[in-house]
Amino acid sequence: MTTAEIARRFNLIYIGDSLLELLELRTGEAECHLRFNMAKVLEAEGANIFEPRAKYEPAWLRFLGVRSISFDRSYQLNSTVVDFGAIDHGDGAHLEFYFDLTGGVDPDAFLVKVRILAKDFDLGPDMAADRIAGDDGV
């Protein structure tokens, strides 16, 4: 699957206004797991967020082939997602998945961008490894 196809798949996810509840790094597996209170899978890019194909509460977003994770300035445990997306990193193998988070207590870090450079992702209601296809997962 190309990075463009992976980015299009990521654009089917809607996590706006969701809360990031857990960030887990698995360095040995080169994975990063994010648990949100809720995520939706849309029928198509830009489709109605109130009529999703699937909805997970909670939702696990797993990044595979993680190369790096970075935060603008420092991460202040901000939890509310206000923007998110995936852009091609330019190396032909990785995407930069980004999340703008708000809600922290530090006025200098009220809005923080988290960047995860990874090869792929999957989303589902739990941490099962086989949720990329079928079962309404992305």
C-alpha atoms as a PDB file:
ATOM      1  CA  MET A   1       0.000   0.000   0.000  1.00  0.00           C
ATOM      2  CA  THR A   2       1.403   3.424  -0.922  1.00  0.00           C
ATOM      3  CA  THR A   3       1.706   6.303   1.525  1.00  0.00           C
ATOM      4  CA  ALA A   4      -1.015   8.125  -0.456  1.00  0.00           C
ATOM      5  CA  GLU A   5      -3.388   5.181   0.026  1.00  0.00           C
ATOM      6  CA  ILE A   6      -2.584   5.028   3.738  1.00  0.00           C
ATOM      7  CA  ALA A   7      -3.217   8.783   4.075  1.00  0.00           C
ATOM      8  CA  ARG A   8      -6.586   8.400   2.284  1.00  0.00           C
ATOM      9  CA  ARG A   9      -7.474   5.591   4.713  1.00  0.00           C
ATOM     10  CA  PHE A  10      -6.518   7.807   7.658  1.00  0.00           C
ATOM     11  CA  ASN A  11      -8.784  10.563   6.303  1.00  0.00           C
ATOM     12  CA  LEU A  12     -11.768   8.250   6.843  1.00  0.00           C
ATOM     13  CA  ILE A  13     -11.250   8.565  10.597  1.00  0.00           C
ATOM     14  CA  TYR A  14     -12.963  11.313  12.561  1.00  0.00           C
ATOM     15  CA  ILE A  15     -11.622  12.060  16.050  1.00  0.00           C
ATOM     16  CA  GLY A  16     -12.406  15.775  16.299  1.00  0.00           C
ATOM     17  CA  ASP A  17     -13.331  16.749  19.886  1.00  0.00           C
ATOM     18  CA  SER A  18     -12.339  13.287  21.099  1.00  0.00           C
ATOM     19  CA  LEU A  19     -10.208  12.960  24.203  1.00  0.00           C
ATOM     20  CA  LEU A  20      -6.792  11.322  24.163  1.00  0.00           C
ATOM     21  CA  GLU A  21      -6.877   9.069  27.228  1.00  0.00           C
ATOM     22  CA  LEU A  22      -3.701   7.013  26.873  1.00  0.00           C
ATOM     23  CA  LEU A  23      -0.438   7.205  24.956  1.00  0.00           C
ATOM     24  CA  GLU A  24       1.602   4.015  24.978  1.00  0.00           C
ATOM     25  CA  LEU A  25       5.007   3.521  23.372  1.00  0.00           C
ATOM     26  CA  ARG A  26       6.212   0.025  22.518  1.00  0.00           C
ATOM     27  CA  THR A  27       9.800   0.614  21.530  1.00  0.00           C
ATOM     28  CA  GLY A  28      10.643  -3.046  20.905  1.00  0.00           C
ATOM     29  CA  GLU A  29       7.807  -3.367  18.398  1.00  0.00           C
ATOM     30  CA  ALA A  30       8.236   0.177  16.958  1.00  0.00           C
ATOM     31  CA  GLU A  31       4.587   0.877  17.775  1.00  0.00           C
ATOM     32  CA  CYS A  32       2.662   3.705  19.380  1.00  0.00           C
ATOM     33  CA  HIS A  33      -0.854   3.153  20.711  1.00  0.00           C
ATOM     34  CA  LEU A  34      -3.313   5.950  21.376  1.00  0.00           C
ATOM     35  CA  ARG A  35      -6.612   5.375  23.165  1.00  0.00           C
ATOM     36  CA  PHE A  36      -9.362   7.924  22.542  1.00  0.00           C
ATOM     37  CA  ASN A  37     -12.715   8.091  24.254  1.00  0.00           C
ATOM     38  CA  MET A  38     -14.344   7.862  20.801  1.00  0.00           C
ATOM     39  CA  ALA A  39     -13.563   7.603  17.083  1.00  0.00           C
ATOM     40  CA  LYS A  40     -15.723   7.324  13.992  1.00  0.00           C
ATOM     41  CA  VAL A  41     -15.048   5.734  10.630  1.00  0.00           C
ATOM     42  CA  LEU A  42     -16.690   7.696   7.816  1.00  0.00           C
ATOM     43  CA  GLU A  43     -18.158   6.265   4.609  1.00  0.00           C
ATOM     44  CA  ALA A  44     -15.895   8.529   2.521  1.00  0.00           C
ATOM     45  CA  GLU A  45     -13.592  11.520   2.997  1.00  0.00           C
ATOM     46  CA  GLY A  46     -15.686  14.497   4.053  1.00  0.00           C
ATOM     47  CA  ALA A  47     -18.814  12.392   4.694  1.00  0.00           C
ATOM     48  CA  ASN A  48     -21.362  13.297   7.355  1.00  0.00           C
ATOM     49  CA  ILE A  49     -19.769  12.765  10.788  1.00  0.00           C
ATOM     50  CA  PHE A  50     -23.219  12.105  12.287  1.00  0.00           C
ATOM     51  CA  GLU A  51     -23.774   9.049  10.066  1.00  0.00           C
ATOM     52  CA  PRO A  52     -20.501   7.106  10.377  1.00  0.00           C
ATOM     53  CA  ARG A  53     -19.869   3.621   9.008  1.00  0.00           C
ATOM     54  CA  ALA A  54     -18.592   2.612  12.468  1.00  0.00           C
ATOM     55  CA  LYS A  55     -18.133   4.195  15.883  1.00  0.00           C
ATOM     56  CA  TYR A  56     -15.811   2.976  18.614  1.00  0.00           C
ATOM     57  CA  GLU A  57     -16.048   3.940  22.298  1.00  0.00           C
ATOM     58  CA  PRO A  58     -13.246   3.691  23.322  1.00  0.00           C
ATOM     59  CA  ALA A  59     -11.103   3.618  20.198  1.00  0.00           C
ATOM     60  CA  TRP A  60      -7.537   2.377  19.830  1.00  0.00           C
ATOM     61  CA  LEU A  61      -5.329   3.896  17.161  1.00  0.00           C
ATOM     62  CA  ARG A  62      -2.151   1.903  16.619  1.00  0.00           C
ATOM     63  CA  PHE A  63       0.797   3.188  14.607  1.00  0.00           C
ATOM     64  CA  LEU A  64       3.107   0.630  13.046  1.00  0.00           C
ATOM     65  CA  GLY A  65       6.703   1.039  11.955  1.00  0.00           C
ATOM     66  CA  VAL A  66       7.158   4.109  14.134  1.00  0.00           C
ATOM     67  CA  ARG A  67      10.336   6.024  13.378  1.00  0.00           C
ATOM     68  CA  SER A  68       9.850   8.983  15.726  1.00  0.00           C
ATOM     69  CA  ILE A  69       7.420  10.844  17.966  1.00  0.00           C
ATOM     70  CA  SER A  70       7.763  14.554  18.616  1.00  0.00           C
ATOM     71  CA  PHE A  71       5.923  17.348  20.374  1.00  0.00           C
ATOM     72  CA  ASP A  72       6.003  21.087  19.765  1.00  0.00           C
ATOM     73  CA  ARG A  73       7.868  22.596  22.723  1.00  0.00           C
ATOM     74  CA  SER A  74       6.777  20.363  25.596  1.00  0.00           C
ATOM     75  CA  TYR A  75       3.747  18.150  25.965  1.00  0.00           C
ATOM     76  CA  GLN A  76       1.408  19.373  28.710  1.00  0.00           C
ATOM     77  CA  LEU A  77      -0.989  16.412  28.810  1.00  0.00           C
ATOM     78  CA  ASN A  78      -3.454  18.213  26.590  1.00  0.00           C
ATOM     79  CA  SER A  79      -6.257  15.857  25.703  1.00  0.00           C
ATOM     80  CA  THR A  80      -8.851  17.356  23.335  1.00  0.00           C
ATOM     81  CA  VAL A  81      -8.253  16.778  19.616  1.00  0.00           C
ATOM     82  CA  VAL A  82      -8.906  19.925  17.587  1.00  0.00           C
ATOM     83  CA  ASP A  83      -7.136  18.966  14.350  1.00  0.00           C
ATOM     84  CA  PHE A  84      -5.529  15.832  12.920  1.00  0.00           C
ATOM     85  CA  GLY A  85      -4.291  14.413   9.666  1.00  0.00           C
ATOM     86  CA  ALA A  86      -1.603  12.549   7.763  1.00  0.00           C
ATOM     87  CA  ILE A  87       0.895  13.942   5.282  1.00  0.00           C
ATOM     88  CA  ASP A  88       3.572  12.219   3.233  1.00  0.00           C
ATOM     89  CA  HIS A  89       6.987  12.494   4.852  1.00  0.00           C
ATOM     90  CA  GLY A  90       8.708  12.418   1.468  1.00  0.00           C
ATOM     91  CA  ASP A  91      10.866   9.325   1.953  1.00  0.00           C
ATOM     92  CA  GLY A  92       8.397   7.000   0.224  1.00  0.00           C
ATOM     93  CA  ALA A  93       7.922   4.879   3.345  1.00  0.00           C
ATOM     94  CA  HIS A  94       6.643   7.063   6.212  1.00  0.00           C
ATOM     95  CA  LEU A  95       3.756   9.401   6.898  1.00  0.00           C
ATOM     96  CA  GLU A  96       3.624  12.162   9.457  1.00  0.00           C
ATOM     97  CA  PHE A  97       0.459  11.669  11.476  1.00  0.00           C
ATOM     98  CA  TYR A  98      -0.296  14.812  13.443  1.00  0.00           C
ATOM     99  CA  PHE A  99      -2.681  15.758  16.218  1.00  0.00           C
ATOM    100  CA  ASP A 100      -3.338  19.258  17.548  1.00  0.00           C
ATOM    101  CA  LEU A 101      -4.351  18.899  21.175  1.00  0.00           C
ATOM    102  CA  THR A 102      -5.715  21.520  23.521  1.00  0.00           C
ATOM    103  CA  GLY A 103      -6.833  21.717  27.116  1.00  0.00           C
ATOM    104  CA  GLY A 104      -3.590  21.892  29.059  1.00  0.00           C
ATOM    105  CA  VAL A 105      -2.981  24.102  32.072  1.00  0.00           C
ATOM    106  CA  ASP A 106       0.105  25.921  30.754  1.00  0.00           C
ATOM    107  CA  PRO A 107      -0.918  29.049  28.783  1.00  0.00           C
ATOM    108  CA  ASP A 108       2.286  28.769  26.723  1.00  0.00           C
ATOM    109  CA  ALA A 109       1.363  25.249  25.641  1.00  0.00           C
ATOM    110  CA  PHE A 110      -2.428  25.465  25.427  1.00  0.00           C
ATOM    111  CA  LEU A 111      -2.293  24.093  21.869  1.00  0.00           C
ATOM    112  CA  VAL A 112       0.288  21.363  21.262  1.00  0.00           C
ATOM    113  CA  LYS A 113       1.038  19.438  18.070  1.00  0.00           C
ATOM    114  CA  VAL A 114       2.002  15.780  18.397  1.00  0.00           C
ATOM    115  CA  ARG A 115       3.733  14.232  15.368  1.00  0.00           C
ATOM    116  CA  ILE A 116       4.131  10.510  14.829  1.00  0.00           C
ATOM    117  CA  LEU A 117       6.301   9.419  11.928  1.00  0.00           C
ATOM    118  CA  ALA A 118       5.150   5.890  11.031  1.00  0.00           C
ATOM    119  CA  LYS A 119       4.606   3.511   8.138  1.00  0.00           C
ATOM    120  CA  ASP A 120       0.998   2.500   8.799  1.00  0.00           C
ATOM    121  CA  PHE A 121      -1.844   2.487  11.317  1.00  0.00           C
ATOM    122  CA  ASP A 122      -4.970   0.650  12.275  1.00  0.00           C
ATOM    123  CA  LEU A 123      -8.037   1.593  14.296  1.00  0.00           C
ATOM    124  CA  GLY A 124     -10.525  -0.457  16.245  1.00  0.00           C
ATOM    125  CA  PRO A 125     -12.423  -0.931  19.489  1.00  0.00           C
ATOM    126  CA  ASP A 126      -9.606  -2.880  21.145  1.00  0.00           C
ATOM    127  CA  MET A 127      -5.952  -3.757  20.680  1.00  0.00           C
ATOM    128  CA  ALA A 128      -6.560  -6.829  18.488  1.00  0.00           C
ATOM    129  CA  ALA A 129      -3.925  -7.106  15.786  1.00  0.00           C
ATOM    130  CA  ASP A 130      -6.294  -8.187  13.003  1.00  0.00           C
ATOM    131  CA  ARG A 131      -8.562  -5.178  12.682  1.00  0.00           C
ATOM    132  CA  ILE A 132      -7.154  -3.465   9.605  1.00  0.00           C
ATOM    133  CA  ALA A 133      -9.696  -5.055   7.251  1.00  0.00           C
ATOM    134  CA  GLY A 134     -13.155  -6.493   7.611  1.00  0.00           C
ATOM    135  CA  ASP A 135     -15.066  -5.774  10.850  1.00  0.00           C
ATOM    136  CA  ASP A 136     -15.580  -2.083   9.883  1.00  0.00           C
ATOM    137  CA  GLY A 137     -12.101  -1.186  11.128  1.00  0.00           C
ATOM    138  CA  VAL A 138      -9.845   1.043   9.107  1.00  0.00           C
END
